[in-house]
Amino acid sequence: MLVAGVASTALSGCYYFSEPTTDMDYVASDGNNAEVGTVNLSNVLIVTKSKGDKGSMQGLATNNGNTAAQLTVTPAGGQPTKVSIPPMQSVRLDGKPSGDGKATVSPIDIPATPVPPGESTTVVFATADGGSKRVSVPVVLDQPPYGSEEVTHPGSRPDDSAEKGDGGGH
């Protein structure tokens, strides 16, 4: 009993010497986040089929300023693309309407993705008030939830358990 009491006291002491993980900042998404001047970038990533193929940038750019922001996006080995973001609004980098549906931009396409899915590439984001910032942007495979391609595996067949009427249980 004494040993258990001493062990529990010693082990619980770690709490006082370790920073709680809930106090640490981390990116809770597949993409990366950054701040460039008044523009906040959230969940920025590139979707592609493979290295060298066309890719599309996804993510949200939010202008927290009182005037329109001009965001320049330059992927590694690519040409710069300018995006105009109205004041106090967000735009999706894939060109689709954001939640409020008021502001849209042309999609940001990557002519040839420099790395395969599963790796990251550098993209430079720049604004007049924030200068430029190099951001490591993850590249993900063109499949749900970000892409549209269906996933197939060689030698696999569709699950037909629902057709058998066995309820799909184990």
N, C-alpha and C. Protein backbone atom coordinates (compact mmCIF):
# COMPACT_ATOMS: atom_id res chain seq x y z
N MET A 1 0.82 -1.18 0.00
CA MET A 1 0.00 0.00 0.00
C MET A 1 0.87 1.25 0.00
N LEU A 2 1.93 1.24 0.79
CA LEU A 2 2.84 2.38 0.84
C LEU A 2 3.48 2.62 -0.52
N VAL A 3 3.86 1.53 -1.19
CA VAL A 3 4.49 1.65 -2.50
C VAL A 3 3.52 2.29 -3.50
N ALA A 4 2.26 1.90 -3.47
CA ALA A 4 1.26 2.46 -4.38
C ALA A 4 1.06 3.96 -4.11
N GLY A 5 1.04 4.35 -2.87
CA GLY A 5 0.88 5.76 -2.52
C GLY A 5 2.05 6.59 -2.98
N VAL A 6 3.27 6.10 -2.79
CA VAL A 6 4.47 6.82 -3.21
C VAL A 6 4.51 6.90 -4.74
N ALA A 7 4.18 5.79 -5.43
CA ALA A 7 4.21 5.77 -6.89
C ALA A 7 3.20 6.74 -7.48
N SER A 8 1.99 6.76 -6.93
CA SER A 8 0.98 7.67 -7.48
C SER A 8 1.36 9.13 -7.25
N THR A 9 1.96 9.44 -6.12
CA THR A 9 2.40 10.80 -5.86
C THR A 9 3.53 11.19 -6.80
N ALA A 10 4.48 10.30 -7.02
CA ALA A 10 5.61 10.59 -7.90
C ALA A 10 5.15 10.75 -9.35
N LEU A 11 4.26 9.88 -9.81
CA LEU A 11 3.80 9.95 -11.19
C LEU A 11 2.91 11.16 -11.44
N SER A 12 2.11 11.54 -10.48
CA SER A 12 1.24 12.70 -10.68
C SER A 12 2.04 14.00 -10.64
N GLY A 13 3.26 13.97 -10.16
CA GLY A 13 4.11 15.14 -10.15
C GLY A 13 4.51 15.59 -11.54
N CYS A 14 4.43 14.69 -12.52
CA CYS A 14 4.74 15.04 -13.90
C CYS A 14 3.81 16.14 -14.39
N TYR A 15 2.62 16.17 -13.88
CA TYR A 15 1.65 17.17 -14.28
C TYR A 15 2.19 18.58 -14.03
N TYR A 16 2.89 18.76 -12.95
CA TYR A 16 3.38 20.09 -12.58
C TYR A 16 4.59 20.52 -13.40
N PHE A 17 5.27 19.59 -14.01
CA PHE A 17 6.48 19.91 -14.75
C PHE A 17 6.31 19.85 -16.27
N SER A 18 5.15 19.45 -16.74
CA SER A 18 4.89 19.33 -18.17
C SER A 18 3.80 20.29 -18.59
N GLU A 19 4.03 20.94 -19.73
CA GLU A 19 3.02 21.84 -20.27
C GLU A 19 1.83 21.01 -20.78
N PRO A 20 0.60 21.38 -20.41
CA PRO A 20 -0.56 20.64 -20.91
C PRO A 20 -0.63 20.73 -22.44
N THR A 21 -0.87 19.62 -23.09
CA THR A 21 -0.92 19.62 -24.55
C THR A 21 -2.09 20.44 -25.08
N THR A 22 -3.11 20.67 -24.28
CA THR A 22 -4.24 21.48 -24.73
C THR A 22 -3.86 22.95 -24.82
N ASP A 23 -2.72 23.34 -24.26
CA ASP A 23 -2.25 24.73 -24.34
C ASP A 23 -1.30 24.95 -25.51
N MET A 24 -0.97 23.89 -26.25
CA MET A 24 -0.04 24.01 -27.37
C MET A 24 -0.80 24.34 -28.66
N ASP A 25 -0.22 25.23 -29.47
CA ASP A 25 -0.80 25.53 -30.77
C ASP A 25 -0.46 24.42 -31.75
N TYR A 26 -1.43 24.06 -32.56
CA TYR A 26 -1.19 23.08 -33.61
C TYR A 26 -2.22 23.29 -34.72
N VAL A 27 -1.94 22.76 -35.89
CA VAL A 27 -2.85 22.88 -37.03
C VAL A 27 -3.79 21.68 -36.98
N ALA A 28 -5.05 21.93 -36.75
CA ALA A 28 -6.03 20.84 -36.61
C ALA A 28 -6.75 20.59 -37.93
N SER A 29 -5.99 20.46 -39.00
CA SER A 29 -6.57 20.19 -40.31
C SER A 29 -5.50 19.55 -41.17
N ASP A 30 -5.87 19.17 -42.39
CA ASP A 30 -4.90 18.57 -43.30
C ASP A 30 -4.00 19.62 -43.92
N GLY A 31 -4.51 20.85 -44.06
CA GLY A 31 -3.74 21.93 -44.66
C GLY A 31 -2.96 22.70 -43.63
N ASN A 32 -2.33 23.78 -44.07
CA ASN A 32 -1.52 24.60 -43.17
C ASN A 32 -2.16 25.98 -43.02
N ASN A 33 -1.81 26.68 -41.98
CA ASN A 33 -2.32 28.02 -41.69
C ASN A 33 -1.18 29.02 -41.71
N ALA A 34 -1.49 30.26 -42.03
CA ALA A 34 -0.48 31.33 -42.00
C ALA A 34 -1.20 32.67 -41.90
N GLU A 35 -0.43 33.68 -41.56
CA GLU A 35 -0.95 35.05 -41.50
C GLU A 35 0.01 35.94 -42.27
N VAL A 36 -0.54 36.71 -43.23
CA VAL A 36 0.27 37.63 -44.03
C VAL A 36 -0.45 38.98 -43.98
N GLY A 37 0.07 39.89 -43.18
CA GLY A 37 -0.60 41.18 -43.01
C GLY A 37 -1.97 40.98 -42.41
N THR A 38 -3.00 41.53 -43.05
CA THR A 38 -4.37 41.40 -42.54
C THR A 38 -5.06 40.14 -43.06
N VAL A 39 -4.36 39.33 -43.84
CA VAL A 39 -4.96 38.13 -44.42
C VAL A 39 -4.55 36.90 -43.62
N ASN A 40 -5.57 36.15 -43.18
CA ASN A 40 -5.34 34.87 -42.51
C ASN A 40 -5.64 33.75 -43.50
N LEU A 41 -4.72 32.81 -43.61
CA LEU A 41 -4.89 31.65 -44.49
C LEU A 41 -5.17 30.43 -43.62
N SER A 42 -6.19 29.67 -43.99
CA SER A 42 -6.58 28.51 -43.20
C SER A 42 -6.71 27.28 -44.08
N ASN A 43 -6.20 26.15 -43.58
CA ASN A 43 -6.32 24.85 -44.22
C ASN A 43 -5.90 24.88 -45.69
N VAL A 44 -4.76 25.51 -45.97
CA VAL A 44 -4.26 25.62 -47.34
C VAL A 44 -3.54 24.32 -47.72
N LEU A 45 -3.95 23.75 -48.85
CA LEU A 45 -3.32 22.53 -49.36
C LEU A 45 -3.47 22.48 -50.88
N ILE A 46 -2.76 21.55 -51.50
CA ILE A 46 -2.83 21.36 -52.95
C ILE A 46 -3.32 19.95 -53.21
N VAL A 47 -4.30 19.80 -54.11
CA VAL A 47 -4.87 18.50 -54.47
C VAL A 47 -4.38 18.14 -55.87
N THR A 48 -3.85 16.92 -56.02
CA THR A 48 -3.36 16.46 -57.32
C THR A 48 -3.41 14.94 -57.40
N LYS A 49 -3.29 14.42 -58.63
CA LYS A 49 -3.26 12.97 -58.83
C LYS A 49 -1.86 12.42 -58.59
N SER A 50 -0.84 13.18 -59.03
CA SER A 50 0.54 12.72 -58.86
C SER A 50 1.50 13.87 -59.13
N LYS A 51 2.77 13.63 -58.83
CA LYS A 51 3.81 14.62 -59.11
C LYS A 51 3.83 14.92 -60.60
N GLY A 52 3.90 16.22 -60.94
CA GLY A 52 3.94 16.64 -62.32
C GLY A 52 2.58 16.92 -62.93
N ASP A 53 1.52 16.39 -62.30
CA ASP A 53 0.17 16.64 -62.80
C ASP A 53 -0.35 17.98 -62.31
N LYS A 54 -1.38 18.46 -62.97
CA LYS A 54 -2.05 19.70 -62.56
C LYS A 54 -2.59 19.53 -61.14
N GLY A 55 -2.49 20.60 -60.38
CA GLY A 55 -3.01 20.59 -59.01
C GLY A 55 -3.92 21.79 -58.80
N SER A 56 -4.72 21.72 -57.77
CA SER A 56 -5.58 22.86 -57.42
C SER A 56 -5.38 23.18 -55.95
N MET A 57 -5.28 24.47 -55.67
CA MET A 57 -5.08 24.91 -54.30
C MET A 57 -6.44 25.04 -53.63
N GLN A 58 -6.50 24.59 -52.39
CA GLN A 58 -7.70 24.74 -51.59
C GLN A 58 -7.33 25.40 -50.28
N GLY A 59 -8.31 26.03 -49.66
CA GLY A 59 -8.10 26.70 -48.40
C GLY A 59 -8.95 27.95 -48.36
N LEU A 60 -8.85 28.66 -47.27
CA LEU A 60 -9.65 29.87 -47.06
C LEU A 60 -8.72 31.04 -46.78
N ALA A 61 -8.96 32.16 -47.45
CA ALA A 61 -8.20 33.40 -47.21
C ALA A 61 -9.18 34.43 -46.65
N THR A 62 -8.92 34.90 -45.45
CA THR A 62 -9.80 35.85 -44.78
C THR A 62 -9.09 37.18 -44.63
N ASN A 63 -9.72 38.24 -45.12
CA ASN A 63 -9.19 39.59 -44.99
C ASN A 63 -9.81 40.23 -43.76
N ASN A 64 -9.00 40.45 -42.74
CA ASN A 64 -9.47 41.07 -41.50
C ASN A 64 -9.31 42.59 -41.52
N GLY A 65 -8.90 43.14 -42.66
CA GLY A 65 -8.69 44.58 -42.77
C GLY A 65 -9.95 45.32 -43.20
N ASN A 66 -9.87 46.64 -43.14
CA ASN A 66 -11.00 47.50 -43.51
C ASN A 66 -10.99 47.90 -44.98
N THR A 67 -9.96 47.49 -45.71
CA THR A 67 -9.87 47.75 -47.15
C THR A 67 -9.58 46.44 -47.86
N ALA A 68 -9.85 46.40 -49.16
CA ALA A 68 -9.59 45.18 -49.94
C ALA A 68 -8.11 44.83 -49.87
N ALA A 69 -7.82 43.55 -49.81
CA ALA A 69 -6.43 43.07 -49.78
C ALA A 69 -6.11 42.36 -51.08
N GLN A 70 -4.93 42.63 -51.60
CA GLN A 70 -4.43 41.94 -52.79
C GLN A 70 -3.44 40.88 -52.31
N LEU A 71 -3.81 39.63 -52.48
CA LEU A 71 -2.96 38.51 -52.08
C LEU A 71 -2.32 37.94 -53.34
N THR A 72 -0.99 37.83 -53.33
CA THR A 72 -0.27 37.21 -54.44
C THR A 72 0.18 35.83 -53.98
N VAL A 73 -0.17 34.81 -54.77
CA VAL A 73 0.15 33.42 -54.45
C VAL A 73 1.11 32.90 -55.50
N THR A 74 2.31 32.47 -55.05
CA THR A 74 3.32 31.96 -55.98
C THR A 74 3.78 30.58 -55.53
N PRO A 75 3.31 29.52 -56.20
CA PRO A 75 3.77 28.17 -55.85
C PRO A 75 5.18 27.93 -56.35
N ALA A 76 5.87 26.98 -55.74
CA ALA A 76 7.24 26.64 -56.17
C ALA A 76 7.24 26.29 -57.64
N GLY A 77 8.07 26.97 -58.42
CA GLY A 77 8.19 26.71 -59.84
C GLY A 77 7.02 27.22 -60.67
N GLY A 78 6.10 27.95 -60.05
CA GLY A 78 4.93 28.42 -60.77
C GLY A 78 4.91 29.93 -60.92
N GLN A 79 3.90 30.41 -61.61
CA GLN A 79 3.72 31.84 -61.83
C GLN A 79 2.83 32.42 -60.74
N PRO A 80 3.04 33.70 -60.39
CA PRO A 80 2.20 34.33 -59.37
C PRO A 80 0.76 34.51 -59.85
N THR A 81 -0.17 34.34 -58.92
CA THR A 81 -1.59 34.58 -59.15
C THR A 81 -2.06 35.60 -58.13
N LYS A 82 -2.75 36.64 -58.60
CA LYS A 82 -3.26 37.68 -57.71
C LYS A 82 -4.72 37.41 -57.38
N VAL A 83 -5.04 37.58 -56.09
CA VAL A 83 -6.38 37.37 -55.59
C VAL A 83 -6.81 38.61 -54.83
N SER A 84 -7.97 39.14 -55.15
CA SER A 84 -8.50 40.31 -54.44
C SER A 84 -9.53 39.84 -53.43
N ILE A 85 -9.32 40.22 -52.17
CA ILE A 85 -10.22 39.80 -51.09
C ILE A 85 -10.90 41.03 -50.50
N PRO A 86 -12.22 41.12 -50.57
CA PRO A 86 -12.93 42.27 -50.02
C PRO A 86 -12.68 42.40 -48.52
N PRO A 87 -12.84 43.62 -47.99
CA PRO A 87 -12.61 43.82 -46.56
C PRO A 87 -13.59 43.00 -45.71
N MET A 88 -13.07 42.46 -44.64
CA MET A 88 -13.86 41.71 -43.66
C MET A 88 -14.63 40.54 -44.28
N GLN A 89 -14.03 39.89 -45.29
CA GLN A 89 -14.66 38.73 -45.92
C GLN A 89 -13.63 37.64 -46.16
N SER A 90 -14.16 36.46 -46.49
CA SER A 90 -13.32 35.30 -46.79
C SER A 90 -13.61 34.83 -48.20
N VAL A 91 -12.58 34.28 -48.84
CA VAL A 91 -12.74 33.65 -50.15
C VAL A 91 -12.07 32.28 -50.11
N ARG A 92 -12.66 31.36 -50.86
CA ARG A 92 -12.06 30.03 -51.00
C ARG A 92 -11.08 30.06 -52.16
N LEU A 93 -9.91 29.46 -51.97
CA LEU A 93 -8.88 29.48 -52.99
C LEU A 93 -9.17 28.53 -54.15
N ASP A 94 -10.18 27.68 -54.01
CA ASP A 94 -10.57 26.78 -55.11
C ASP A 94 -11.62 27.42 -56.01
N GLY A 95 -12.00 28.68 -55.74
CA GLY A 95 -12.93 29.40 -56.59
C GLY A 95 -14.40 29.21 -56.26
N LYS A 96 -14.70 28.33 -55.34
CA LYS A 96 -16.10 28.09 -54.96
C LYS A 96 -16.54 29.17 -53.98
N PRO A 97 -17.86 29.40 -53.87
CA PRO A 97 -18.34 30.42 -52.92
C PRO A 97 -18.01 30.02 -51.48
N SER A 98 -17.68 31.02 -50.68
CA SER A 98 -17.44 30.74 -49.26
C SER A 98 -18.79 30.63 -48.56
N GLY A 99 -18.77 30.48 -47.26
CA GLY A 99 -20.00 30.28 -46.49
C GLY A 99 -21.05 31.34 -46.71
N ASP A 100 -20.63 32.60 -46.85
CA ASP A 100 -21.62 33.66 -47.06
C ASP A 100 -21.98 33.81 -48.54
N GLY A 101 -21.20 33.20 -49.43
CA GLY A 101 -21.49 33.19 -50.84
C GLY A 101 -21.37 34.53 -51.55
N LYS A 102 -20.85 35.54 -50.89
CA LYS A 102 -20.78 36.87 -51.49
C LYS A 102 -19.53 37.10 -52.33
N ALA A 103 -18.41 36.58 -51.89
CA ALA A 103 -17.14 36.85 -52.57
C ALA A 103 -16.55 35.56 -53.12
N THR A 104 -16.14 35.61 -54.38
CA THR A 104 -15.44 34.47 -54.98
C THR A 104 -14.22 34.98 -55.74
N VAL A 105 -13.29 34.09 -55.98
CA VAL A 105 -12.10 34.41 -56.76
C VAL A 105 -11.91 33.30 -57.78
N SER A 106 -11.09 33.55 -58.78
CA SER A 106 -10.76 32.49 -59.73
C SER A 106 -9.95 31.43 -59.00
N PRO A 107 -10.16 30.16 -59.34
CA PRO A 107 -9.39 29.11 -58.65
C PRO A 107 -7.90 29.25 -58.91
N ILE A 108 -7.11 28.87 -57.93
CA ILE A 108 -5.66 28.90 -58.07
C ILE A 108 -5.22 27.51 -58.50
N ASP A 109 -4.78 27.42 -59.75
CA ASP A 109 -4.33 26.15 -60.31
C ASP A 109 -2.81 26.08 -60.33
N ILE A 110 -2.30 24.90 -60.13
CA ILE A 110 -0.87 24.64 -60.19
C ILE A 110 -0.64 23.83 -61.46
N PRO A 111 0.03 24.39 -62.49
CA PRO A 111 0.19 23.67 -63.76
C PRO A 111 0.88 22.31 -63.62
N ALA A 112 1.89 22.22 -62.78
CA ALA A 112 2.62 20.96 -62.56
C ALA A 112 3.04 20.90 -61.10
N THR A 113 2.40 20.04 -60.34
CA THR A 113 2.71 19.92 -58.91
C THR A 113 4.13 19.38 -58.75
N PRO A 114 4.99 20.11 -57.99
CA PRO A 114 6.41 19.75 -57.93
C PRO A 114 6.74 18.54 -57.06
N VAL A 115 5.81 18.09 -56.24
CA VAL A 115 6.07 16.94 -55.36
C VAL A 115 4.86 16.00 -55.39
N PRO A 116 5.05 14.74 -55.03
CA PRO A 116 3.91 13.82 -55.02
C PRO A 116 3.01 14.03 -53.81
N PRO A 117 1.77 13.52 -53.87
CA PRO A 117 0.90 13.58 -52.70
C PRO A 117 1.57 12.91 -51.50
N GLY A 118 1.39 13.50 -50.35
CA GLY A 118 2.03 13.00 -49.13
C GLY A 118 3.22 13.84 -48.72
N GLU A 119 3.69 14.70 -49.61
CA GLU A 119 4.80 15.59 -49.29
C GLU A 119 4.28 17.03 -49.25
N SER A 120 5.17 17.96 -48.96
CA SER A 120 4.81 19.38 -48.91
C SER A 120 5.67 20.15 -49.91
N THR A 121 5.13 21.27 -50.37
CA THR A 121 5.86 22.16 -51.26
C THR A 121 5.76 23.58 -50.69
N THR A 122 6.66 24.44 -51.11
CA THR A 122 6.66 25.81 -50.62
C THR A 122 5.82 26.70 -51.54
N VAL A 123 4.97 27.49 -50.92
CA VAL A 123 4.18 28.48 -51.63
C VAL A 123 4.44 29.82 -50.95
N VAL A 124 4.67 30.86 -51.74
CA VAL A 124 4.89 32.20 -51.20
C VAL A 124 3.58 32.98 -51.30
N PHE A 125 3.14 33.51 -50.16
CA PHE A 125 1.95 34.36 -50.10
C PHE A 125 2.43 35.77 -49.76
N ALA A 126 1.90 36.78 -50.46
CA ALA A 126 2.37 38.15 -50.22
C ALA A 126 1.19 39.12 -50.27
N THR A 127 1.28 40.14 -49.40
CA THR A 127 0.34 41.26 -49.41
C THR A 127 1.14 42.55 -49.26
N ALA A 128 0.52 43.68 -49.63
CA ALA A 128 1.21 44.97 -49.52
C ALA A 128 1.53 45.31 -48.07
N ASP A 129 0.63 44.98 -47.15
CA ASP A 129 0.85 45.36 -45.74
C ASP A 129 1.60 44.32 -44.93
N GLY A 130 1.77 43.11 -45.47
CA GLY A 130 2.41 42.06 -44.69
C GLY A 130 3.68 41.50 -45.29
N GLY A 131 4.09 42.03 -46.44
CA GLY A 131 5.28 41.48 -47.09
C GLY A 131 4.98 40.09 -47.63
N SER A 132 6.01 39.24 -47.69
CA SER A 132 5.81 37.89 -48.21
C SER A 132 6.15 36.86 -47.14
N LYS A 133 5.50 35.72 -47.26
CA LYS A 133 5.72 34.64 -46.30
C LYS A 133 5.76 33.32 -47.05
N ARG A 134 6.84 32.56 -46.80
CA ARG A 134 6.98 31.22 -47.38
C ARG A 134 6.24 30.24 -46.46
N VAL A 135 5.34 29.47 -47.06
CA VAL A 135 4.52 28.54 -46.28
C VAL A 135 4.69 27.13 -46.85
N SER A 136 4.92 26.17 -45.97
CA SER A 136 4.98 24.77 -46.37
C SER A 136 3.55 24.27 -46.53
N VAL A 137 3.17 23.91 -47.76
CA VAL A 137 1.80 23.53 -48.07
C VAL A 137 1.75 22.04 -48.40
N PRO A 138 0.94 21.27 -47.68
CA PRO A 138 0.83 19.84 -47.95
C PRO A 138 0.17 19.57 -49.31
N VAL A 139 0.60 18.50 -49.95
CA VAL A 139 0.00 18.05 -51.20
C VAL A 139 -0.74 16.76 -50.88
N VAL A 140 -2.04 16.72 -51.23
CA VAL A 140 -2.86 15.55 -50.93
C VAL A 140 -3.37 14.93 -52.23
N LEU A 141 -3.70 13.65 -52.14
CA LEU A 141 -4.19 12.90 -53.28
C LEU A 141 -5.59 13.35 -53.67
N ASP A 142 -5.84 13.38 -54.97
CA ASP A 142 -7.14 13.79 -55.51
C ASP A 142 -8.18 12.71 -55.22
N GLN A 143 -8.72 12.75 -54.02
CA GLN A 143 -9.79 11.85 -53.60
C GLN A 143 -10.54 12.52 -52.47
N PRO A 144 -11.76 12.06 -52.17
CA PRO A 144 -12.53 12.69 -51.09
C PRO A 144 -11.74 12.70 -49.79
N PRO A 145 -11.85 13.71 -48.96
CA PRO A 145 -12.84 14.78 -49.01
C PRO A 145 -12.42 15.99 -49.85
N TYR A 146 -11.20 16.04 -50.35
CA TYR A 146 -10.74 17.23 -51.08
C TYR A 146 -10.87 17.10 -52.58
N GLY A 147 -10.65 15.92 -53.10
CA GLY A 147 -10.71 15.73 -54.54
C GLY A 147 -11.98 15.04 -54.96
N SER A 148 -12.00 14.65 -56.23
CA SER A 148 -13.21 14.05 -56.77
C SER A 148 -12.99 12.65 -57.34
N GLU A 149 -11.76 12.21 -57.43
CA GLU A 149 -11.48 10.89 -58.00
C GLU A 149 -11.96 9.79 -57.08
N GLU A 150 -12.44 8.70 -57.69
CA GLU A 150 -12.83 7.53 -56.92
C GLU A 150 -11.59 6.71 -56.60
N VAL A 151 -11.55 6.12 -55.44
CA VAL A 151 -10.40 5.32 -55.03
C VAL A 151 -10.63 3.88 -55.46
N THR A 152 -9.67 3.33 -56.18
CA THR A 152 -9.73 1.91 -56.55
C THR A 152 -8.39 1.28 -56.20
N HIS A 153 -8.45 0.03 -55.87
CA HIS A 153 -7.24 -0.71 -55.53
C HIS A 153 -7.17 -1.94 -56.45
N PRO A 154 -6.02 -2.18 -57.07
CA PRO A 154 -5.90 -3.34 -57.96
C PRO A 154 -6.25 -4.63 -57.23
N GLY A 155 -7.08 -5.45 -57.88
CA GLY A 155 -7.44 -6.74 -57.31
C GLY A 155 -8.57 -6.69 -56.30
N SER A 156 -9.10 -5.51 -56.02
CA SER A 156 -10.18 -5.42 -55.05
C SER A 156 -11.52 -5.50 -55.77
N ARG A 157 -12.55 -5.82 -55.05
CA ARG A 157 -13.89 -5.84 -55.62
C ARG A 157 -14.82 -5.10 -54.67
N PRO A 158 -15.92 -4.59 -55.19
CA PRO A 158 -16.85 -3.86 -54.34
C PRO A 158 -17.40 -4.76 -53.24
N ASP A 159 -17.74 -4.16 -52.13
CA ASP A 159 -18.34 -4.89 -51.01
C ASP A 159 -19.77 -5.27 -51.39
N ASP A 160 -20.05 -6.56 -51.45
CA ASP A 160 -21.39 -6.99 -51.82
C ASP A 160 -22.16 -7.56 -50.64
N SER A 161 -21.74 -7.28 -49.41
CA SER A 161 -22.41 -7.84 -48.24
C SER A 161 -23.83 -7.30 -48.12
N ALA A 162 -24.10 -6.07 -48.56
CA ALA A 162 -25.45 -5.53 -48.45
C ALA A 162 -26.41 -6.30 -49.35
N GLU A 163 -25.90 -6.81 -50.50
CA GLU A 163 -26.75 -7.57 -51.41
C GLU A 163 -27.10 -8.94 -50.86
N LYS A 164 -26.27 -9.49 -50.01
CA LYS A 164 -26.51 -10.81 -49.47
C LYS A 164 -27.59 -10.81 -48.39
N GLY A 165 -27.90 -9.62 -47.86
CA GLY A 165 -28.93 -9.53 -46.83
C GLY A 165 -28.46 -9.99 -45.47
N ASP A 166 -27.16 -10.01 -45.24
CA ASP A 166 -26.68 -10.47 -43.95
C ASP A 166 -26.55 -9.32 -42.94
N GLY A 167 -27.03 -8.14 -43.30
CA GLY A 167 -27.00 -7.02 -42.37
C GLY A 167 -25.66 -6.36 -42.26
N GLY A 168 -24.63 -6.89 -42.90
CA GLY A 168 -23.32 -6.27 -42.88
C GLY A 168 -22.60 -6.40 -41.56
N GLY A 169 -23.08 -7.23 -40.65
CA GLY A 169 -22.45 -7.37 -39.34
C GLY A 169 -21.24 -8.27 -39.40
N HIS A 170 -20.60 -8.46 -38.25
CA HIS A 170 -19.40 -9.28 -38.19
C HIS A 170 -19.71 -10.65 -37.67
